[in-house]
Amino acid sequence: MQGVKNYSTQGTVGVAGPTLFTLNWWGIDQIIYRSSPGTYAGVGCCGSQVVLDNITIGMVPVPGPEAGAGLGALALGGMALYMKNRRKEEAVAA
């Protein structure tokens, strides 16, 4: 996060089929993929290409409007209690 390296992994992929990597990382704002030339696989060129497909990113749900309504009700209750105590103090002082 913000340029700090929190996670790192290395993986080996081949040309025989797809390779699944499940990382279960959280709080990531940047991912850097680096490939390096490997063993020649007989598919042409130099062997340093990477293809990413079907990437699934799970997001942590943000509290919905219900959370805001609950906090609003709590604030109104606190204000009502404050006003009630203030009126009692004014009545005693008078």
Protein backbone atom coordinates (compact mmCIF):
# COMPACT_ATOMS: atom_id res chain seq x y z
CA MET A 1 0.00 0.00 0.00
CA GLN A 2 1.37 3.36 -1.02
CA GLY A 3 4.52 1.84 -2.46
CA VAL A 4 5.28 -0.47 0.47
CA LYS A 5 5.86 -4.10 -0.49
CA ASN A 6 3.49 -6.18 1.64
CA TYR A 7 3.33 -9.42 -0.31
CA SER A 8 5.55 -11.27 -2.74
CA THR A 9 5.27 -14.60 -4.49
CA GLN A 10 6.90 -16.47 -7.33
CA GLY A 11 5.23 -18.94 -9.61
CA THR A 12 6.18 -21.17 -12.49
CA VAL A 13 3.85 -21.52 -15.43
CA GLY A 14 4.04 -23.73 -18.48
CA VAL A 15 2.62 -23.96 -21.98
CA ALA A 16 0.65 -27.16 -21.35
CA GLY A 17 -2.34 -25.31 -19.89
CA PRO A 18 -3.48 -22.62 -17.50
CA THR A 19 -2.04 -22.26 -14.02
CA LEU A 20 -4.23 -21.08 -11.16
CA PHE A 21 -2.75 -18.87 -8.48
CA THR A 22 -4.92 -18.03 -5.47
CA LEU A 23 -3.24 -15.34 -3.43
CA ASN A 24 -5.77 -14.27 -0.75
CA TRP A 25 -4.09 -10.90 -0.28
CA TRP A 26 -5.88 -7.82 1.03
CA GLY A 27 -5.22 -4.08 0.99
CA ILE A 28 -3.47 -4.16 -2.38
CA ASP A 29 -3.37 -1.01 -4.50
CA GLN A 30 -0.77 -2.10 -7.06
CA ILE A 31 0.42 -5.39 -8.55
CA ILE A 32 3.56 -5.74 -10.66
CA TYR A 33 4.06 -8.80 -12.86
CA ARG A 34 7.56 -9.58 -14.05
CA SER A 35 8.48 -12.36 -16.39
CA SER A 36 11.90 -13.67 -17.11
CA PRO A 37 13.13 -15.80 -19.98
CA GLY A 38 12.78 -19.42 -19.09
CA THR A 39 13.38 -22.71 -20.80
CA TYR A 40 12.54 -22.64 -24.49
CA ALA A 41 9.13 -24.30 -24.85
CA GLY A 42 9.04 -24.57 -28.61
CA VAL A 43 6.28 -22.02 -29.11
CA GLY A 44 8.36 -19.29 -30.73
CA CYS A 45 10.09 -16.11 -29.61
CA CYS A 46 12.04 -15.77 -26.43
CA GLY A 47 9.76 -17.12 -23.70
CA SER A 48 9.29 -13.98 -21.60
CA GLN A 49 5.64 -13.21 -22.42
CA VAL A 50 2.92 -13.44 -19.80
CA VAL A 51 -0.81 -13.61 -20.45
CA LEU A 52 -3.28 -12.89 -17.67
CA ASP A 53 -6.84 -14.03 -18.21
CA ASN A 54 -9.95 -14.46 -16.08
CA ILE A 55 -8.67 -12.45 -13.13
CA THR A 56 -11.09 -12.39 -10.21
CA ILE A 57 -10.78 -9.62 -7.65
CA GLY A 58 -12.89 -9.92 -4.53
CA MET A 59 -13.80 -6.68 -2.85
CA VAL A 60 -14.61 -6.23 0.82
CA PRO A 61 -18.15 -4.88 1.06
CA VAL A 62 -18.54 -1.30 2.21
CA PRO A 63 -21.17 -0.73 4.90
CA GLY A 64 -24.43 0.17 3.22
CA PRO A 65 -27.08 2.75 4.03
CA GLU A 66 -28.26 0.65 6.97
CA ALA A 67 -25.07 1.50 8.86
CA GLY A 68 -25.65 5.20 8.21
CA ALA A 69 -29.25 4.95 9.38
CA GLY A 70 -28.13 3.21 12.58
CA LEU A 71 -25.53 5.87 13.30
CA GLY A 72 -28.09 8.59 12.57
CA ALA A 73 -30.56 7.05 15.03
CA LEU A 74 -27.81 6.81 17.65
CA ALA A 75 -26.90 10.47 17.14
CA LEU A 76 -30.55 11.57 17.42
CA GLY A 77 -30.95 9.53 20.61
CA GLY A 78 -27.83 11.14 22.06
CA MET A 79 -29.08 14.61 21.19
CA ALA A 80 -32.48 13.90 22.77
CA LEU A 81 -30.81 12.68 25.97
CA TYR A 82 -28.58 15.76 26.05
CA MET A 83 -31.58 18.09 25.63
CA LYS A 84 -33.53 16.26 28.35
CA ASN A 85 -30.64 16.61 30.84
CA ARG A 86 -30.15 20.26 29.88
CA ARG A 87 -33.83 21.06 30.52
CA LYS A 88 -33.60 19.36 33.94
CA GLU A 89 -30.55 21.45 34.84
CA GLU A 90 -32.30 24.68 33.73
CA ALA A 91 -35.40 23.81 35.79
CA VAL A 92 -33.28 23.13 38.90
CA ALA A 93 -31.30 26.34 38.40
CA ALA A 94 -34.47 28.47 38.07
